[in-house]
Amino acid sequence: MNLANFESMDPIMLMSIVNMKLRDDFGGDLDKLVAYFDIDKSALEAKLATAGFDFLPDAGQFRYPPPTKY
């Protein structure tokens, strides 16, 4: 799957594809993924943020952010 057209993709589907690639091919390293596909990291993060996803480095995935404790 080529992520070159990620900006036109549905953000939910994009998150699924990116997380699969992160898990299977890049060991959770977002910098390696964006370098491999030659895409803008900030633009990818912004696109996924439109659906409420943040990159969680400890998990190596995009997810909804953990709830804040009161």
Protein backbone atom coordinates (compact mmCIF):
# COMPACT_ATOMS: atom_id res chain seq x y z
CA MET A 1 0.00 0.00 0.00
CA ASN A 2 1.42 3.34 -1.07
CA LEU A 3 0.71 6.20 1.32
CA ALA A 4 1.60 8.93 -1.20
CA ASN A 5 -2.09 9.87 -1.50
CA PHE A 6 -2.78 9.82 2.25
CA GLU A 7 -4.21 13.35 2.22
CA SER A 8 -7.23 12.19 0.20
CA MET A 9 -7.85 9.05 2.27
CA ASP A 10 -10.51 8.54 4.90
CA PRO A 11 -8.76 9.20 8.24
CA ILE A 12 -10.14 6.05 9.91
CA MET A 13 -8.93 3.84 7.06
CA LEU A 14 -5.62 5.74 6.99
CA MET A 15 -5.10 5.14 10.72
CA SER A 16 -5.70 1.44 10.23
CA ILE A 17 -3.22 1.20 7.34
CA VAL A 18 -0.57 3.32 9.06
CA ASN A 19 -0.82 1.34 12.30
CA MET A 20 -0.55 -1.93 10.39
CA LYS A 21 2.56 -0.67 8.57
CA LEU A 22 4.05 0.65 11.82
CA ARG A 23 3.50 -2.72 13.49
CA ASP A 24 4.50 -5.02 10.63
CA ASP A 25 7.26 -3.12 8.86
CA PHE A 26 8.69 -0.29 10.99
CA GLY A 27 8.72 -1.48 14.59
CA GLY A 28 6.50 1.41 15.66
CA ASP A 29 8.96 4.03 14.37
CA LEU A 30 6.97 6.82 12.73
CA ASP A 31 10.09 8.57 11.46
CA LYS A 32 11.10 5.46 9.51
CA LEU A 33 7.62 5.11 8.02
CA VAL A 34 7.44 8.70 6.76
CA ALA A 35 10.99 8.50 5.41
CA TYR A 36 10.26 5.26 3.56
CA PHE A 37 7.10 6.65 1.94
CA ASP A 38 8.63 10.13 1.51
CA ILE A 39 5.66 11.87 3.13
CA ASP A 40 5.43 14.86 5.46
CA LYS A 41 5.20 13.71 9.08
CA SER A 42 3.37 16.85 10.24
CA ALA A 43 0.82 16.54 7.44
CA LEU A 44 0.19 12.87 8.28
CA GLU A 45 -0.24 13.68 11.97
CA ALA A 46 -2.57 16.58 11.11
CA LYS A 47 -4.69 14.38 8.83
CA LEU A 48 -5.07 11.73 11.53
CA ALA A 49 -5.77 14.42 14.15
CA THR A 50 -8.90 15.38 12.16
CA ALA A 51 -10.39 12.09 13.39
CA GLY A 52 -9.03 12.57 16.93
CA PHE A 53 -5.95 10.33 16.67
CA ASP A 54 -2.60 11.14 18.23
CA PHE A 55 0.65 9.25 17.78
CA LEU A 56 1.59 7.53 21.02
CA PRO A 57 5.34 6.83 20.83
CA ASP A 58 5.30 4.31 23.69
CA ALA A 59 2.72 2.23 21.81
CA GLY A 60 4.15 2.95 18.36
CA GLN A 61 0.62 3.59 17.08
CA PHE A 62 -1.94 6.24 16.38
CA ARG A 63 -4.77 6.04 18.88
CA TYR A 64 -7.31 8.19 20.59
CA PRO A 65 -5.43 10.00 23.35
CA PRO A 66 -5.74 8.46 26.80
CA PRO A 67 -8.31 10.09 29.03
CA THR A 68 -7.05 12.74 31.41
CA LYS A 69 -7.30 12.02 35.12
CA TYR A 70 -9.16 14.44 37.28
